[in-house]
Protein backbone atom coordinates (compact mmCIF):
# COMPACT_ATOMS: atom_id res chain seq x y z
CA UNK A 1 0.03 -0.09 0.34
CA UNK A 2 1.25 3.43 -1.02
CA UNK A 3 1.99 6.08 1.89
CA UNK A 4 -1.08 7.90 0.13
CA UNK A 5 -3.41 5.04 0.71
CA UNK A 6 -2.29 4.26 4.08
CA UNK A 7 -2.94 7.73 5.31
CA UNK A 8 -6.30 7.02 3.79
CA UNK A 9 -6.68 3.53 5.62
CA UNK A 10 -5.62 5.50 8.87
CA UNK A 11 -8.29 8.20 8.19
CA UNK A 12 -11.03 5.80 7.69
CA UNK A 13 -10.10 3.97 10.83
CA UNK A 14 -10.34 7.39 12.98
CA UNK A 15 -13.80 7.99 11.60
CA UNK A 16 -15.32 4.43 12.20
CA UNK A 17 -13.53 4.07 15.39
CA UNK A 18 -15.14 7.55 16.19
CA UNK A 19 -18.59 6.20 15.40
CA UNK A 20 -18.14 3.18 17.68
CA UNK A 21 -16.97 5.05 20.57
CA UNK A 22 -19.68 7.60 20.03
CA UNK A 23 -22.05 4.76 19.63
CA UNK A 24 -23.47 5.67 16.41
CA UNK A 25 -22.78 2.28 15.57
CA UNK A 26 -23.64 0.00 18.47
CA UNK A 27 -22.22 -3.25 20.23
CA UNK A 28 -23.54 -5.96 17.90
CA UNK A 29 -24.22 -3.70 14.75
CA UNK A 30 -23.47 -4.71 11.38
CA UNK A 31 -21.45 -2.05 9.48
CA UNK A 32 -21.99 -1.07 5.92
CA UNK A 33 -20.12 -3.18 3.73
CA UNK A 34 -16.75 -2.50 2.13
CA UNK A 35 -18.15 -1.27 -1.44
CA UNK A 36 -20.46 1.13 0.48
CA UNK A 37 -17.76 2.51 2.61
CA UNK A 38 -15.70 2.86 -0.31
CA UNK A 39 -18.06 4.97 -1.93
CA UNK A 40 -18.78 7.32 1.35
CA UNK A 41 -14.98 7.80 1.52
CA UNK A 42 -14.04 8.04 -2.05
CA UNK A 43 -11.22 5.33 -1.84
CA UNK A 44 -10.67 1.93 -3.34
CA UNK A 45 -12.17 -0.87 -1.59
CA UNK A 46 -9.01 -2.38 -0.70
CA UNK A 47 -7.99 0.63 1.35
CA UNK A 48 -11.77 0.23 3.41
CA UNK A 49 -10.59 -3.42 3.87
CA UNK A 50 -7.04 -2.23 5.16
CA UNK A 51 -8.87 0.10 7.63
CA UNK A 52 -11.35 -2.48 8.81
CA UNK A 53 -8.77 -4.59 9.38
CA UNK A 54 -6.90 -2.79 11.49
CA UNK A 55 -9.98 -2.37 13.82
CA UNK A 56 -10.36 -5.80 13.69
CA UNK A 57 -6.96 -6.47 14.98
CA UNK A 58 -7.94 -3.89 17.83
CA UNK A 59 -10.65 -5.66 18.92
CA UNK A 60 -13.40 -3.29 17.59
CA UNK A 61 -15.02 -5.27 14.63
CA UNK A 62 -15.81 -8.54 14.06
CA UNK A 63 -15.23 -9.57 10.41
CA UNK A 64 -16.72 -13.19 8.99
CA UNK A 65 -16.63 -13.94 5.47
CA UNK A 66 -20.60 -14.04 4.52
CA UNK A 67 -21.68 -12.51 7.72
CA UNK A 68 -20.06 -9.20 7.42
CA UNK A 69 -18.70 -6.86 9.86
CA UNK A 70 -20.48 -6.43 12.89
CA UNK A 71 -19.36 -4.03 16.19
CA UNK A 72 -17.73 -6.30 18.76
CA UNK A 73 -19.55 -7.16 21.85
CA UNK A 74 -17.66 -6.19 24.93
CA UNK A 75 -14.98 -5.58 22.62
CA UNK A 76 -12.24 -4.79 25.71
CA UNK A 77 -12.13 -8.52 26.10
CA UNK A 78 -10.29 -9.12 23.06
CA UNK A 79 -7.63 -6.87 24.01
CA UNK A 80 -4.21 -8.25 25.32
CA UNK A 81 -5.40 -7.20 28.75
CA UNK A 82 -8.87 -8.22 29.68
CA UNK A 83 -11.67 -6.07 31.44
CA UNK A 84 -14.05 -8.87 32.92
CA UNK A 85 -17.35 -7.70 34.17
CA UNK A 86 -17.02 -8.54 37.75
CA UNK A 87 -20.67 -10.00 38.30
CA UNK A 88 -19.87 -12.32 35.72
CA UNK A 89 -16.79 -13.57 37.32
CA UNK A 90 -18.13 -13.84 40.76
CA UNK A 91 -21.45 -15.91 39.22
CA UNK A 92 -18.89 -18.21 37.03
CA UNK A 93 -17.40 -19.48 40.59
CA UNK A 94 -20.68 -20.18 41.73
CA UNK A 95 -21.46 -17.44 44.00
CA UNK A 96 -24.38 -15.32 43.93
CA UNK A 97 -23.68 -11.82 42.78
CA UNK A 98 -24.73 -8.35 44.90
CA UNK A 99 -23.08 -4.65 45.16
CA UNK A 100 -23.24 -1.78 46.97
CA UNK A 101 -23.12 1.65 45.72
CA UNK A 102 -21.44 3.13 49.19
CA UNK A 103 -21.40 6.78 47.97
CA UNK A 104 -22.23 8.80 44.37
CA UNK A 105 -21.65 12.50 44.04
CA UNK A 106 -19.91 15.17 41.88
CA UNK A 107 -16.51 15.89 43.26
CA UNK A 108 -13.86 17.91 42.18
CA UNK A 109 -10.57 16.05 40.93
CA UNK A 110 -7.49 15.65 43.46
CA UNK A 111 -3.97 16.29 41.79
CA UNK A 112 -2.86 12.78 41.78
CA UNK A 113 -6.28 11.37 39.78
CA UNK A 114 -5.92 14.68 37.64
CA UNK A 115 -2.52 13.11 36.63
CA UNK A 116 -3.34 9.84 35.72
CA UNK A 117 -6.42 11.03 33.78
CA UNK A 118 -4.56 13.94 32.25
CA UNK A 119 -7.58 16.45 33.24
CA UNK A 120 -7.34 19.76 34.87
CA UNK A 121 -7.30 19.29 39.05
CA UNK A 122 -10.34 20.72 40.59
CA UNK A 123 -12.61 19.79 37.62
CA UNK A 124 -15.70 17.97 38.55
CA UNK A 125 -16.24 14.51 37.53
CA UNK A 126 -18.84 11.60 39.29
CA UNK A 127 -16.84 10.11 42.01
CA UNK A 128 -18.35 6.73 43.07
CA UNK A 129 -17.59 3.99 45.80
CA UNK A 130 -18.97 0.41 45.40
CA UNK A 131 -18.59 -2.82 46.91
CA UNK A 132 -18.89 -5.88 45.35
CA UNK A 133 -20.07 -9.26 47.13
CA UNK A 134 -20.05 -12.99 46.56
CA UNK A 135 -22.58 -14.63 48.64
CA UNK A 136 -23.04 -11.90 50.66
CA UNK A 137 -18.97 -11.55 51.51
CA UNK A 138 -17.24 -8.99 50.01
CA UNK A 139 -15.16 -9.54 47.05
CA UNK A 140 -13.50 -6.20 46.11
CA UNK A 141 -14.02 -2.40 46.90
CA UNK A 142 -13.62 0.49 44.23
CA UNK A 143 -13.15 3.97 44.02
CA UNK A 144 -13.81 5.00 40.72
CA UNK A 145 -13.97 8.51 39.30
CA UNK A 146 -16.24 8.79 35.65
CA UNK A 147 -15.42 11.48 33.14
CA UNK A 148 -18.70 12.11 31.69
CA UNK A 149 -17.23 13.58 28.26
CA UNK A 150 -15.68 10.36 27.47
CA UNK A 151 -18.52 8.51 29.08
CA UNK A 152 -21.81 10.11 27.62
CA UNK A 153 -24.70 9.14 29.43
CA UNK A 154 -22.91 8.26 32.98
CA UNK A 155 -25.01 10.82 34.89
CA UNK A 156 -28.21 9.26 34.00
CA UNK A 157 -27.30 5.85 34.75
CA UNK A 158 -28.69 4.03 38.04
CA UNK A 159 -25.54 2.42 39.22
CA UNK A 160 -27.49 0.93 42.02
CA UNK A 161 -29.14 -1.03 39.18
CA UNK A 162 -26.05 -1.92 37.01
CA UNK A 163 -22.63 -1.42 38.19
CA UNK A 164 -20.09 1.54 36.76
CA UNK A 165 -18.07 -1.79 35.93
CA UNK A 166 -20.44 -3.47 33.68
CA UNK A 167 -21.94 -0.58 32.26
CA UNK A 168 -18.90 0.67 31.10
CA UNK A 169 -17.48 -2.39 29.90
CA UNK A 170 -20.32 -2.88 27.74
CA UNK A 171 -20.63 0.69 26.16
CA UNK A 172 -17.28 2.10 25.95
CA UNK A 173 -14.69 0.74 24.49
CA UNK A 174 -11.08 1.51 25.64
CA UNK A 175 -7.98 2.10 23.34
CA UNK A 176 -5.41 2.03 25.89
CA UNK A 177 -4.81 2.16 29.74
CA UNK A 178 -2.82 2.66 32.13
CA UNK A 179 -2.14 0.20 35.17
CA UNK A 180 -0.37 -0.26 38.52
CA UNK A 181 -0.48 -3.19 40.82
CA UNK A 182 1.05 -2.94 44.55
CA UNK A 183 0.26 -4.13 48.00
CA UNK A 184 -0.92 -1.93 50.68
CA UNK A 185 -2.16 -2.18 54.18
CA UNK A 186 -5.50 -1.86 54.52
CA UNK A 187 -6.61 1.62 55.49
CA UNK A 188 -9.70 2.19 58.14
CA UNK A 189 -12.04 2.70 55.19
CA UNK A 190 -10.61 -0.34 53.05
CA UNK A 191 -10.88 -2.48 56.25
CA UNK A 192 -14.80 -1.48 56.79
CA UNK A 193 -15.57 -2.16 53.23
CA UNK A 194 -13.83 -5.53 52.95
CA UNK A 195 -15.05 -6.43 56.63
CA UNK A 196 -11.08 -7.29 57.49
CA UNK A 197 -8.82 -5.88 59.97
CA UNK A 198 -7.01 -2.68 59.76
CA UNK A 199 -3.31 -2.99 58.58
CA UNK A 200 -3.85 -6.30 56.79
CA UNK A 201 -1.78 -6.53 53.45
CA UNK A 202 -3.98 -5.96 49.98
CA UNK A 203 -3.56 -6.21 46.58
CA UNK A 204 -4.10 -2.79 44.86
CA UNK A 205 -5.04 -2.50 41.45
CA UNK A 206 -5.28 1.16 39.95
CA UNK A 207 -5.98 1.67 36.36
CA UNK A 208 -7.15 4.47 33.95
CA UNK A 209 -8.57 4.05 30.76
CA UNK A 210 -8.56 6.18 27.63
CA UNK A 211 -10.66 6.37 24.18
CA UNK A 212 -10.68 9.38 21.81
CA UNK A 213 -12.68 11.40 23.91
CA UNK A 214 -10.15 11.48 26.65
CA UNK A 215 -9.83 9.24 30.16
CA UNK A 216 -13.02 7.50 30.36
CA UNK A 217 -12.33 6.14 34.20
CA UNK A 218 -9.81 5.89 37.15
CA UNK A 219 -10.25 3.27 39.46
CA UNK A 220 -8.45 2.02 42.27
CA UNK A 221 -9.56 -1.60 43.03
CA UNK A 222 -8.77 -3.32 46.74
CA UNK A 223 -9.07 -7.03 46.59
CA UNK A 224 -10.24 -8.88 49.76
CA UNK A 225 -7.48 -11.25 51.15
CA UNK A 226 -7.67 -14.59 49.64
CA UNK A 227 -9.66 -13.62 46.55
CA UNK A 228 -8.01 -14.19 42.97
CA UNK A 229 -6.77 -10.80 41.47
CA UNK A 230 -9.11 -9.28 38.82
CA UNK A 231 -8.69 -6.37 36.62
CA UNK A 232 -11.63 -4.54 35.99
CA UNK A 233 -13.13 -1.48 34.13
């Protein structure tokens, strides 16, 4: 492919990705075929094929001969780093799932979180604290910031009904993420939420995901002692 055609393919890739992120094309939707897109973008069909193949490799599109090209369902699951839905993991382990929203409000971003999300310190985002349970026992506690500018509709969601983890995974494909693991002694809040002793060693995951609109969410997950490590959106 020539440099010019490669540039056109990248432009198509960016536009198709935008339509998926903005949910103009939703998970499971069949997108226009290559011939239609070639006419729309004024390029050769081979250029469209190249662009769609790049998105398929990212995990955003599912391409099957004769069935056409569809927006992937739960696209982040095809990434090298999987982002599971916590409810499904708990249920697959044979436990009954439940969750509790401890607090939800719009709050100004502290400096540390602002730096993670590449946003101005003090700008107001949704701040959410949630505990996930398996058979009524704490499984993990998350302290999450959600950016409505990159996750439109977040302010209207009832997170008592569906967790932020599940809603974000199902609706907002991420393009890249920053993640870190650490071992920390349980703070008073961690101990209270996880029903363990203050000072108990905990595995902590901090993770920030991004799409074309910016940082989607930044979350700190504290895992209950003895439970398997999980990465969450």
